[in-house]
C-alpha atoms as a PDB file:
ATOM      1  CA  MET A   1     -25.284  55.930  28.562  1.00  0.00           C
ATOM      2  CA  ASP A   2     -26.106  58.891  25.959  1.00  0.00           C
ATOM      3  CA  THR A   3     -24.468  61.863  26.493  1.00  0.00           C
ATOM      4  CA  LYS A   4     -26.938  64.598  25.780  1.00  0.00           C
ATOM      5  CA  VAL A   5     -26.316  67.368  22.991  1.00  0.00           C
ATOM      6  CA  THR A   6     -27.590  71.005  24.518  1.00  0.00           C
ATOM      7  CA  GLU A   7     -30.363  72.461  22.688  1.00  0.00           C
ATOM      8  CA  LYS A   8     -27.998  74.529  21.003  1.00  0.00           C
ATOM      9  CA  GLU A   9     -25.987  71.701  19.322  1.00  0.00           C
ATOM     10  CA  LEU A  10     -26.136  68.832  16.928  1.00  0.00           C
ATOM     11  CA  ILE A  11     -23.968  65.767  16.330  1.00  0.00           C
ATOM     12  CA  TYR A  12     -22.264  66.077  12.757  1.00  0.00           C
ATOM     13  CA  LEU A  13     -21.334  62.819  11.223  1.00  0.00           C
ATOM     14  CA  TYR A  14     -17.868  62.560   9.080  1.00  0.00           C
ATOM     15  CA  CYS A  15     -17.281  58.822   8.367  1.00  0.00           C
ATOM     16  CA  VAL A  16     -17.431  55.473   9.954  1.00  0.00           C
ATOM     17  CA  THR A  17     -14.490  52.903  10.720  1.00  0.00           C
ATOM     18  CA  LYS A  18     -14.096  50.139  11.956  1.00  0.00           C
ATOM     19  CA  LYS A  19     -10.579  50.623  13.723  1.00  0.00           C
ATOM     20  CA  THR A  20     -10.290  53.333  16.317  1.00  0.00           C
ATOM     21  CA  PRO A  21      -9.482  56.382  14.334  1.00  0.00           C
ATOM     22  CA  LYS A  22      -6.428  58.831  14.593  1.00  0.00           C
ATOM     23  CA  LEU A  23      -8.029  61.972  15.454  1.00  0.00           C
ATOM     24  CA  LYS A  24      -4.597  64.038  15.519  1.00  0.00           C
ATOM     25  CA  GLU A  25      -4.398  64.028  11.898  1.00  0.00           C
ATOM     26  CA  ALA A  26      -7.947  65.979  11.760  1.00  0.00           C
ATOM     27  CA  GLU A  27      -7.966  67.662  15.143  1.00  0.00           C
ATOM     28  CA  ASP A  28      -6.712  70.798  13.984  1.00  0.00           C
ATOM     29  CA  LEU A  29      -9.485  71.223  10.897  1.00  0.00           C
ATOM     30  CA  VAL A  30     -12.280  70.646  13.270  1.00  0.00           C
ATOM     31  CA  ASP A  31     -13.239  71.880  16.820  1.00  0.00           C
ATOM     32  CA  SER A  32     -14.626  69.406  19.249  1.00  0.00           C
ATOM     33  CA  LEU A  33     -13.609  66.312  17.059  1.00  0.00           C
ATOM     34  CA  TYR A  34     -14.234  62.811  18.669  1.00  0.00           C
ATOM     35  CA  PHE A  35     -15.554  59.296  17.989  1.00  0.00           C
ATOM     36  CA  ILE A  36     -18.730  57.239  19.125  1.00  0.00           C
ATOM     37  CA  TYR A  37     -18.332  53.473  19.434  1.00  0.00           C
ATOM     38  CA  HIS A  38     -21.160  51.153  18.766  1.00  0.00           C
ATOM     39  CA  ARG A  39     -21.244  47.376  17.915  1.00  0.00           C
ATOM     40  CA  GLY A  40     -17.847  47.465  16.459  1.00  0.00           C
ATOM     41  CA  LEU A  41     -18.098  50.743  14.492  1.00  0.00           C
ATOM     42  CA  PHE A  42     -16.473  54.290  15.474  1.00  0.00           C
ATOM     43  CA  ALA A  43     -18.330  57.123  14.063  1.00  0.00           C
ATOM     44  CA  VAL A  44     -16.114  60.434  13.493  1.00  0.00           C
ATOM     45  CA  VAL A  45     -18.067  62.861  15.025  1.00  0.00           C
ATOM     46  CA  SER A  46     -17.749  66.525  15.984  1.00  0.00           C
ATOM     47  CA  LYS A  47     -20.818  69.049  17.711  1.00  0.00           C
ATOM     48  CA  VAL A  48     -21.837  71.765  15.341  1.00  0.00           C
ATOM     49  CA  LYS A  49     -23.879  75.144  16.261  1.00  0.00           C
ATOM     50  CA  PHE A  50     -27.812  74.705  15.949  1.00  0.00           C
ATOM     51  CA  ALA A  51     -28.389  77.839  14.511  1.00  0.00           C
ATOM     52  CA  GLU A  52     -26.247  77.258  11.874  1.00  0.00           C
ATOM     53  CA  PHE A  53     -26.883  73.603  10.968  1.00  0.00           C
ATOM     54  CA  ASP A  54     -30.483  73.522  11.636  1.00  0.00           C
ATOM     55  CA  GLU A  55     -32.842  72.759   8.975  1.00  0.00           C
ATOM     56  CA  GLU A  56     -33.741  76.170   8.100  1.00  0.00           C
ATOM     57  CA  ASN A  57     -30.359  78.091   8.567  1.00  0.00           C
ATOM     58  CA  LEU A  58     -28.612  75.130   6.808  1.00  0.00           C
ATOM     59  CA  LYS A  59     -30.886  75.806   4.051  1.00  0.00           C
ATOM     60  CA  ARG A  60     -30.231  79.550   3.443  1.00  0.00           C
ATOM     61  CA  ASN A  61     -26.531  78.743   4.568  1.00  0.00           C
ATOM     62  CA  LEU A  62     -26.275  76.117   1.470  1.00  0.00           C
ATOM     63  CA  ALA A  63     -27.188  79.054  -0.752  1.00  0.00           C
ATOM     64  CA  ASP A  64     -23.836  81.223   0.236  1.00  0.00           C
ATOM     65  CA  LEU A  65     -21.476  79.802  -1.883  1.00  0.00           C
ATOM     66  CA  GLU A  66     -18.578  81.072   0.128  1.00  0.00           C
ATOM     67  CA  TRP A  67     -19.777  79.316   3.044  1.00  0.00           C
ATOM     68  CA  ILE A  68     -20.420  76.065   1.309  1.00  0.00           C
ATOM     69  CA  LYS A  69     -16.663  76.170   0.033  1.00  0.00           C
ATOM     70  CA  ALA A  70     -15.484  76.820   3.424  1.00  0.00           C
ATOM     71  CA  LYS A  71     -17.159  74.126   5.122  1.00  0.00           C
ATOM     72  CA  ALA A  72     -16.947  71.854   2.658  1.00  0.00           C
ATOM     73  CA  SER A  73     -13.279  71.865   2.348  1.00  0.00           C
ATOM     74  CA  ILE A  74     -12.940  71.485   6.142  1.00  0.00           C
ATOM     75  CA  HIS A  75     -15.445  68.281   5.778  1.00  0.00           C
ATOM     76  CA  GLU A  76     -13.412  66.563   3.315  1.00  0.00           C
ATOM     77  CA  LYS A  77      -9.990  67.063   4.442  1.00  0.00           C
ATOM     78  CA  ALA A  78     -10.902  65.830   8.110  1.00  0.00           C
ATOM     79  CA  ILE A  79     -12.135  62.451   6.416  1.00  0.00           C
ATOM     80  CA  GLU A  80      -9.090  62.647   4.249  1.00  0.00           C
ATOM     81  CA  GLY A  81      -6.973  63.219   7.426  1.00  0.00           C
ATOM     82  CA  ILE A  82      -8.990  59.662   9.155  1.00  0.00           C
ATOM     83  CA  MET A  83      -8.501  57.817   6.459  1.00  0.00           C
ATOM     84  CA  LYS A  84      -4.407  58.284   6.590  1.00  0.00           C
ATOM     85  CA  ASN A  85      -4.608  55.199   9.067  1.00  0.00           C
ATOM     86  CA  THR A  86      -7.660  53.319   8.327  1.00  0.00           C
ATOM     87  CA  CYS A  87     -10.377  52.706   5.782  1.00  0.00           C
ATOM     88  CA  VAL A  88     -13.571  54.705   5.907  1.00  0.00           C
ATOM     89  CA  ILE A  89     -17.030  55.529   5.048  1.00  0.00           C
ATOM     90  CA  PRO A  90     -17.612  58.596   4.524  1.00  0.00           C
ATOM     91  CA  PHE A  91     -20.768  60.800   4.802  1.00  0.00           C
ATOM     92  CA  LYS A  92     -22.298  63.677   2.902  1.00  0.00           C
ATOM     93  CA  PHE A  93     -21.619  67.027   3.864  1.00  0.00           C
ATOM     94  CA  ALA A  94     -24.076  68.096   6.888  1.00  0.00           C
ATOM     95  CA  THR A  95     -25.157  64.481   7.722  1.00  0.00           C
ATOM     96  CA  LEU A  96     -26.328  65.635  10.929  1.00  0.00           C
ATOM     97  CA  PHE A  97     -28.041  63.879  14.429  1.00  0.00           C
ATOM     98  CA  ASN A  98     -29.964  65.649  17.270  1.00  0.00           C
ATOM     99  CA  THR A  99     -28.020  63.018  20.020  1.00  0.00           C
ATOM    100  CA  GLU A 100     -25.622  60.403  19.994  1.00  0.00           C
ATOM    101  CA  ASP A 101     -28.277  57.490  20.738  1.00  0.00           C
ATOM    102  CA  ASN A 102     -29.820  58.674  17.000  1.00  0.00           C
ATOM    103  CA  LEU A 103     -26.754  58.007  15.882  1.00  0.00           C
ATOM    104  CA  LYS A 104     -26.552  54.911  17.214  1.00  0.00           C
ATOM    105  CA  THR A 105     -29.788  53.520  16.110  1.00  0.00           C
ATOM    106  CA  MET A 106     -28.370  54.202  12.349  1.00  0.00           C
ATOM    107  CA  LEU A 107     -25.537  52.492  12.917  1.00  0.00           C
ATOM    108  CA  GLY A 108     -27.282  49.434  14.730  1.00  0.00           C
ATOM    109  CA  GLN A 109     -29.857  49.396  11.616  1.00  0.00           C
ATOM    110  CA  HIS A 110     -26.772  49.687   9.004  1.00  0.00           C
ATOM    111  CA  LEU A 111     -24.290  47.504  11.140  1.00  0.00           C
ATOM    112  CA  GLU A 112     -23.666  44.364   8.901  1.00  0.00           C
ATOM    113  CA  GLU A 113     -24.115  46.452   5.450  1.00  0.00           C
ATOM    114  CA  PHE A 114     -21.149  49.234   6.762  1.00  0.00           C
ATOM    115  CA  LYS A 115     -19.109  46.177   7.916  1.00  0.00           C
ATOM    116  CA  ASP A 116     -19.442  44.612   4.866  1.00  0.00           C
ATOM    117  CA  ILE A 117     -18.308  47.780   3.086  1.00  0.00           C
ATOM    118  CA  LEU A 118     -14.918  48.528   5.440  1.00  0.00           C
ATOM    119  CA  LYS A 119     -14.433  44.836   4.908  1.00  0.00           C
ATOM    120  CA  LYS A 120     -14.716  45.922   0.901  1.00  0.00           C
ATOM    121  CA  LEU A 121     -12.604  49.254   1.285  1.00  0.00           C
ATOM    122  CA  GLU A 122      -9.947  47.286   2.929  1.00  0.00           C
ATOM    123  CA  ASP A 123      -6.483  48.103   1.888  1.00  0.00           C
ATOM    124  CA  LYS A 124      -7.931  49.456  -1.265  1.00  0.00           C
ATOM    125  CA  GLU A 125      -7.972  53.583  -2.516  1.00  0.00           C
ATOM    126  CA  GLU A 126     -10.359  55.230  -4.793  1.00  0.00           C
ATOM    127  CA  TRP A 127      -8.771  57.243  -7.629  1.00  0.00           C
ATOM    128  CA  GLY A 128     -10.688  59.319 -10.056  1.00  0.00           C
ATOM    129  CA  VAL A 129      -9.463  60.271 -13.710  1.00  0.00           C
ATOM    130  CA  LYS A 130     -11.189  62.769 -16.113  1.00  0.00           C
ATOM    131  CA  ILE A 131      -9.943  63.138 -19.352  1.00  0.00           C
ATOM    132  CA  TYR A 132     -10.667  66.108 -20.947  1.00  0.00           C
ATOM    133  CA  SER A 133     -10.293  67.459 -25.174  1.00  0.00           C
ATOM    134  CA  ASP A 134      -9.053  70.474 -26.935  1.00  0.00           C
ATOM    135  CA  LEU A 135     -11.541  70.027 -29.676  1.00  0.00           C
ATOM    136  CA  GLU A 136     -10.108  72.482 -32.145  1.00  0.00           C
ATOM    137  CA  LYS A 137      -6.737  70.306 -31.621  1.00  0.00           C
ATOM    138  CA  LEU A 138      -8.725  66.930 -32.349  1.00  0.00           C
ATOM    139  CA  LYS A 139     -10.396  68.424 -35.082  1.00  0.00           C
ATOM    140  CA  GLU A 140      -6.966  69.264 -37.081  1.00  0.00           C
ATOM    141  CA  VAL A 141      -5.366  65.974 -36.479  1.00  0.00           C
ATOM    142  CA  ILE A 142      -8.655  64.408 -38.085  1.00  0.00           C
ATOM    143  CA  ILE A 143      -8.561  66.939 -41.097  1.00  0.00           C
ATOM    144  CA  GLN A 144      -4.681  65.323 -41.447  1.00  0.00           C
ATOM    145  CA  GLU A 145      -5.640  61.815 -41.355  1.00  0.00           C
ATOM    146  CA  ASP A 146      -9.345  61.147 -42.228  1.00  0.00           C
ATOM    147  CA  GLU A 147      -8.757  60.210 -45.725  1.00  0.00           C
ATOM    148  CA  GLU A 148     -12.306  61.273 -46.673  1.00  0.00           C
ATOM    149  CA  ILE A 149     -12.215  64.546 -45.142  1.00  0.00           C
ATOM    150  CA  LEU A 150      -8.878  64.869 -47.107  1.00  0.00           C
ATOM    151  CA  ASN A 151     -10.413  63.960 -50.234  1.00  0.00           C
ATOM    152  CA  ILE A 152     -13.256  66.928 -50.258  1.00  0.00           C
ATOM    153  CA  ASP A 153     -10.417  69.183 -49.297  1.00  0.00           C
ATOM    154  CA  LYS A 154      -8.823  68.245 -52.597  1.00  0.00           C
ATOM    155  CA  GLU A 155     -12.319  68.619 -54.066  1.00  0.00           C
ATOM    156  CA  ILE A 156     -12.866  71.746 -52.391  1.00  0.00           C
ATOM    157  CA  ASN A 157      -9.922  73.694 -54.161  1.00  0.00           C
ATOM    158  CA  SER A 158     -10.965  72.482 -57.925  1.00  0.00           C
ATOM    159  CA  SER A 159     -14.619  73.101 -57.278  1.00  0.00           C
ATOM    160  CA  SER A 160     -16.797  76.345 -58.150  1.00  0.00           C
ATOM    161  CA  THR A 161     -17.700  78.924 -55.711  1.00  0.00           C
ATOM    162  CA  GLY A 162     -21.272  77.187 -55.317  1.00  0.00           C
ATOM    163  CA  LYS A 163     -20.144  73.754 -54.740  1.00  0.00           C
ATOM    164  CA  ALA A 164     -17.434  74.745 -52.962  1.00  0.00           C
ATOM    165  CA  TYR A 165     -19.831  76.279 -50.158  1.00  0.00           C
ATOM    166  CA  LEU A 166     -21.793  72.587 -50.256  1.00  0.00           C
ATOM    167  CA  LEU A 167     -18.739  70.735 -49.848  1.00  0.00           C
ATOM    168  CA  LYS A 168     -17.685  72.701 -47.205  1.00  0.00           C
ATOM    169  CA  LYS A 169     -20.790  72.230 -45.108  1.00  0.00           C
ATOM    170  CA  LYS A 170     -20.588  68.422 -45.837  1.00  0.00           C
ATOM    171  CA  LYS A 171     -17.253  68.562 -44.407  1.00  0.00           C
ATOM    172  CA  GLU A 172     -17.900  70.524 -41.143  1.00  0.00           C
ATOM    173  CA  GLU A 173     -20.530  67.519 -40.669  1.00  0.00           C
ATOM    174  CA  LEU A 174     -18.144  64.737 -41.665  1.00  0.00           C
ATOM    175  CA  LEU A 175     -15.287  66.213 -39.267  1.00  0.00           C
ATOM    176  CA  ASN A 176     -18.162  66.658 -36.559  1.00  0.00           C
ATOM    177  CA  ILE A 177     -19.177  63.122 -36.367  1.00  0.00           C
ATOM    178  CA  ALA A 178     -15.410  62.117 -37.291  1.00  0.00           C
ATOM    179  CA  THR A 179     -14.783  64.020 -34.058  1.00  0.00           C
ATOM    180  CA  ASN A 180     -17.440  62.374 -31.806  1.00  0.00           C
ATOM    181  CA  LYS A 181     -16.365  58.581 -32.670  1.00  0.00           C
ATOM    182  CA  LYS A 182     -12.915  59.619 -31.872  1.00  0.00           C
ATOM    183  CA  LEU A 183     -14.062  61.178 -28.431  1.00  0.00           C
ATOM    184  CA  ASN A 184     -15.843  57.989 -27.938  1.00  0.00           C
ATOM    185  CA  GLU A 185     -13.448  55.731 -29.196  1.00  0.00           C
ATOM    186  CA  TYR A 186     -10.485  57.205 -26.722  1.00  0.00           C
ATOM    187  CA  GLY A 187     -12.623  57.599 -23.863  1.00  0.00           C
ATOM    188  CA  GLU A 188     -13.682  53.782 -24.023  1.00  0.00           C
ATOM    189  CA  VAL A 189     -10.347  52.500 -24.405  1.00  0.00           C
ATOM    190  CA  SER A 190      -8.632  54.844 -21.714  1.00  0.00           C
ATOM    191  CA  PHE A 191     -11.330  53.735 -19.660  1.00  0.00           C
ATOM    192  CA  ASP A 192     -11.131  49.966 -20.508  1.00  0.00           C
ATOM    193  CA  ARG A 193      -7.432  50.300 -19.780  1.00  0.00           C
ATOM    194  CA  LEU A 194      -7.918  51.948 -16.548  1.00  0.00           C
ATOM    195  CA  LYS A 195     -10.043  49.366 -14.845  1.00  0.00           C
ATOM    196  CA  GLU A 196      -7.941  46.499 -15.589  1.00  0.00           C
ATOM    197  CA  LYS A 197      -6.306  47.638 -11.815  1.00  0.00           C
ATOM    198  CA  SER A 198      -9.347  48.521 -10.250  1.00  0.00           C
ATOM    199  CA  THR A 199     -11.802  45.685  -8.177  1.00  0.00           C
ATOM    200  CA  GLU A 200     -14.551  48.317  -8.888  1.00  0.00           C
ATOM    201  CA  ASP A 201     -15.109  51.078 -11.299  1.00  0.00           C
ATOM    202  CA  ARG A 202     -17.291  54.210 -11.652  1.00  0.00           C
ATOM    203  CA  ILE A 203     -18.454  56.471 -14.945  1.00  0.00           C
ATOM    204  CA  ASN A 204     -20.198  59.296 -13.643  1.00  0.00           C
ATOM    205  CA  LYS A 205     -22.091  61.947 -15.105  1.00  0.00           C
ATOM    206  CA  LEU A 206     -19.608  64.621 -17.430  1.00  0.00           C
ATOM    207  CA  LEU A 207     -19.511  67.788 -15.628  1.00  0.00           C
ATOM    208  CA  PRO A 208     -19.963  71.308 -17.762  1.00  0.00           C
ATOM    209  CA  LYS A 209     -17.648  73.903 -18.232  1.00  0.00           C
ATOM    210  CA  GLU A 210     -19.084  76.247 -15.643  1.00  0.00           C
ATOM    211  CA  VAL A 211     -18.175  73.574 -12.595  1.00  0.00           C
ATOM    212  CA  THR A 212     -14.666  72.367 -14.302  1.00  0.00           C
ATOM    213  CA  GLU A 213     -13.770  76.225 -14.833  1.00  0.00           C
ATOM    214  CA  ARG A 214     -11.646  74.992 -17.904  1.00  0.00           C
ATOM    215  CA  ASN A 215     -12.184  75.845 -21.825  1.00  0.00           C
ATOM    216  CA  ASP A 216     -11.983  71.866 -22.773  1.00  0.00           C
ATOM    217  CA  GLU A 217     -14.596  69.759 -22.944  1.00  0.00           C
ATOM    218  CA  MET A 218     -14.807  66.476 -20.553  1.00  0.00           C
ATOM    219  CA  ILE A 219     -15.126  63.525 -22.052  1.00  0.00           C
ATOM    220  CA  LEU A 220     -14.975  60.968 -19.324  1.00  0.00           C
ATOM    221  CA  ASN A 221     -15.822  61.230 -15.275  1.00  0.00           C
ATOM    222  CA  SER A 222     -14.405  57.995 -13.851  1.00  0.00           C
ATOM    223  CA  ALA A 223     -13.529  56.390 -10.560  1.00  0.00           C
ATOM    224  CA  PHE A 224     -11.820  53.646  -9.385  1.00  0.00           C
ATOM    225  CA  LEU A 225     -11.139  51.393  -6.641  1.00  0.00           C
ATOM    226  CA  ILE A 226      -7.616  50.035  -6.519  1.00  0.00           C
ATOM    227  CA  ASP A 227      -5.531  48.177  -4.157  1.00  0.00           C
ATOM    228  CA  LYS A 228      -2.942  49.856  -2.652  1.00  0.00           C
ATOM    229  CA  ASP A 229      -0.270  47.743  -3.992  1.00  0.00           C
ATOM    230  CA  LYS A 230      -1.688  48.244  -7.409  1.00  0.00           C
ATOM    231  CA  VAL A 231      -1.642  52.116  -7.514  1.00  0.00           C
ATOM    232  CA  GLU A 232       2.071  52.526  -8.622  1.00  0.00           C
ATOM    233  CA  ASP A 233       0.822  50.350 -11.759  1.00  0.00           C
ATOM    234  CA  PHE A 234      -2.383  52.377 -12.395  1.00  0.00           C
ATOM    235  CA  LEU A 235      -0.643  55.409 -12.457  1.00  0.00           C
ATOM    236  CA  LYS A 236       1.669  54.307 -14.903  1.00  0.00           C
ATOM    237  CA  ILE A 237      -1.366  53.172 -17.171  1.00  0.00           C
ATOM    238  CA  VAL A 238      -2.544  56.940 -16.826  1.00  0.00           C
ATOM    239  CA  GLU A 239       0.917  58.064 -17.819  1.00  0.00           C
ATOM    240  CA  GLY A 240       0.956  55.708 -20.764  1.00  0.00           C
ATOM    241  CA  LEU A 241      -2.284  56.684 -22.074  1.00  0.00           C
ATOM    242  CA  ARG A 242      -1.212  60.431 -21.499  1.00  0.00           C
ATOM    243  CA  THR A 243       1.388  60.111 -23.911  1.00  0.00           C
ATOM    244  CA  LYS A 244      -0.338  58.352 -26.304  1.00  0.00           C
ATOM    245  CA  TYR A 245      -3.278  60.634 -26.852  1.00  0.00           C
ATOM    246  CA  THR A 246      -1.181  64.196 -25.961  1.00  0.00           C
ATOM    247  CA  ASP A 247      -1.190  64.941 -29.879  1.00  0.00           C
ATOM    248  CA  LYS A 248      -4.683  64.049 -29.731  1.00  0.00           C
ATOM    249  CA  GLY A 249      -5.718  67.161 -28.036  1.00  0.00           C
ATOM    250  CA  LEU A 250      -6.355  65.122 -24.634  1.00  0.00           C
ATOM    251  CA  PHE A 251      -5.672  65.808 -21.002  1.00  0.00           C
ATOM    252  CA  PHE A 252      -5.549  63.305 -18.423  1.00  0.00           C
ATOM    253  CA  ASP A 253      -6.311  64.676 -14.886  1.00  0.00           C
ATOM    254  CA  CYS A 254      -5.548  61.946 -12.166  1.00  0.00           C
ATOM    255  CA  THR A 255      -6.523  62.402  -8.587  1.00  0.00           C
ATOM    256  CA  GLY A 256      -6.669  60.412  -5.512  1.00  0.00           C
ATOM    257  CA  PRO A 257      -6.639  59.054  -3.040  1.00  0.00           C
ATOM    258  CA  TRP A 258     -10.115  60.201  -2.157  1.00  0.00           C
ATOM    259  CA  PRO A 259     -12.588  59.204   0.329  1.00  0.00           C
ATOM    260  CA  PRO A 260     -14.387  56.178  -1.441  1.00  0.00           C
ATOM    261  CA  TYR A 261     -18.016  57.851  -2.079  1.00  0.00           C
ATOM    262  CA  ASN A 262     -18.298  56.241  -5.312  1.00  0.00           C
ATOM    263  CA  PHE A 263     -17.985  52.781  -3.687  1.00  0.00           C
ATOM    264  CA  CYS A 264     -20.623  53.507  -0.843  1.00  0.00           C
ATOM    265  CA  GLY A 265     -23.373  54.101  -3.023  1.00  0.00           C
ATOM    266  CA  PHE A 266     -26.058  53.191  -1.029  1.00  0.00           C
ATOM    267  CA  LEU A 267     -25.882  55.768   1.478  1.00  0.00           C
ATOM    268  CA  LYS A 268     -27.111  58.437  -0.739  1.00  0.00           C
ATOM    269  CA  GLU A 269     -30.422  56.446  -0.299  1.00  0.00           C
ATOM    270  CA  LYS A 270     -30.426  54.816   2.992  1.00  0.00           C
ATOM    271  CA  ILE A 271     -29.112  57.546   5.398  1.00  0.00           C
ATOM    272  CA  HIS A 272     -31.807  59.812   7.112  1.00  0.00           C
ATOM    273  CA  ASN A 273     -30.813  61.565   9.689  1.00  0.00           C
ATOM    274  CA  GLY A 274     -32.075  61.777  12.974  1.00  0.00           C
END
């Protein structure tokens, strides 16, 4: 029987599991956390204020960076707490339903898809690897190693002012071409090595400095779904790549395990709040 939500509350969905979730791992983060069972699936939810999460107010709150930062942090940590004991299908921030019946209807509509995803995710973890490049350091290495650029340097030193100017322009052009070639090569080699231990992998959009808040350039933003018993081997590969490319100006940022958003892609397109 459906438990009616008061007109001032909405159902907020965090994640779905196929095993009874241990709520104690996230109860200190979320008030009134509980789960709704439906046809073999458990939806981890809480009740939130309508006045804060209804369409009009949510739109306004999403313009408040501090509000988003605080709420999104709770959302992610709650999911991470639940996934300590079972695999989860994580849902995006502010996935809301008017009633429990609406939520159960959604679970029923996607029942087989959810069960297939949970089966795929069983005993696996998502790990992320971002690679950043200190372009100036890399260019210094290339200048010392690239034969064509070394020859131009020699020619510059023995040329007239006018010719030296043109040669310097040519050197700059060649250096940029060589740098881009090396970045592509290093990114591809690293990704190919990393995916050896994964069952699935994703390459995501590169993030600008405004988002990363770093001075160096992101050259790879990747995610990997890895069997838990292979995570240690995966991390050894990351460490090996760090050692190999540190003197080339590359920095490897490896983090995890994360809620497996990258491997539940269809959710972005198919799930509608109700």
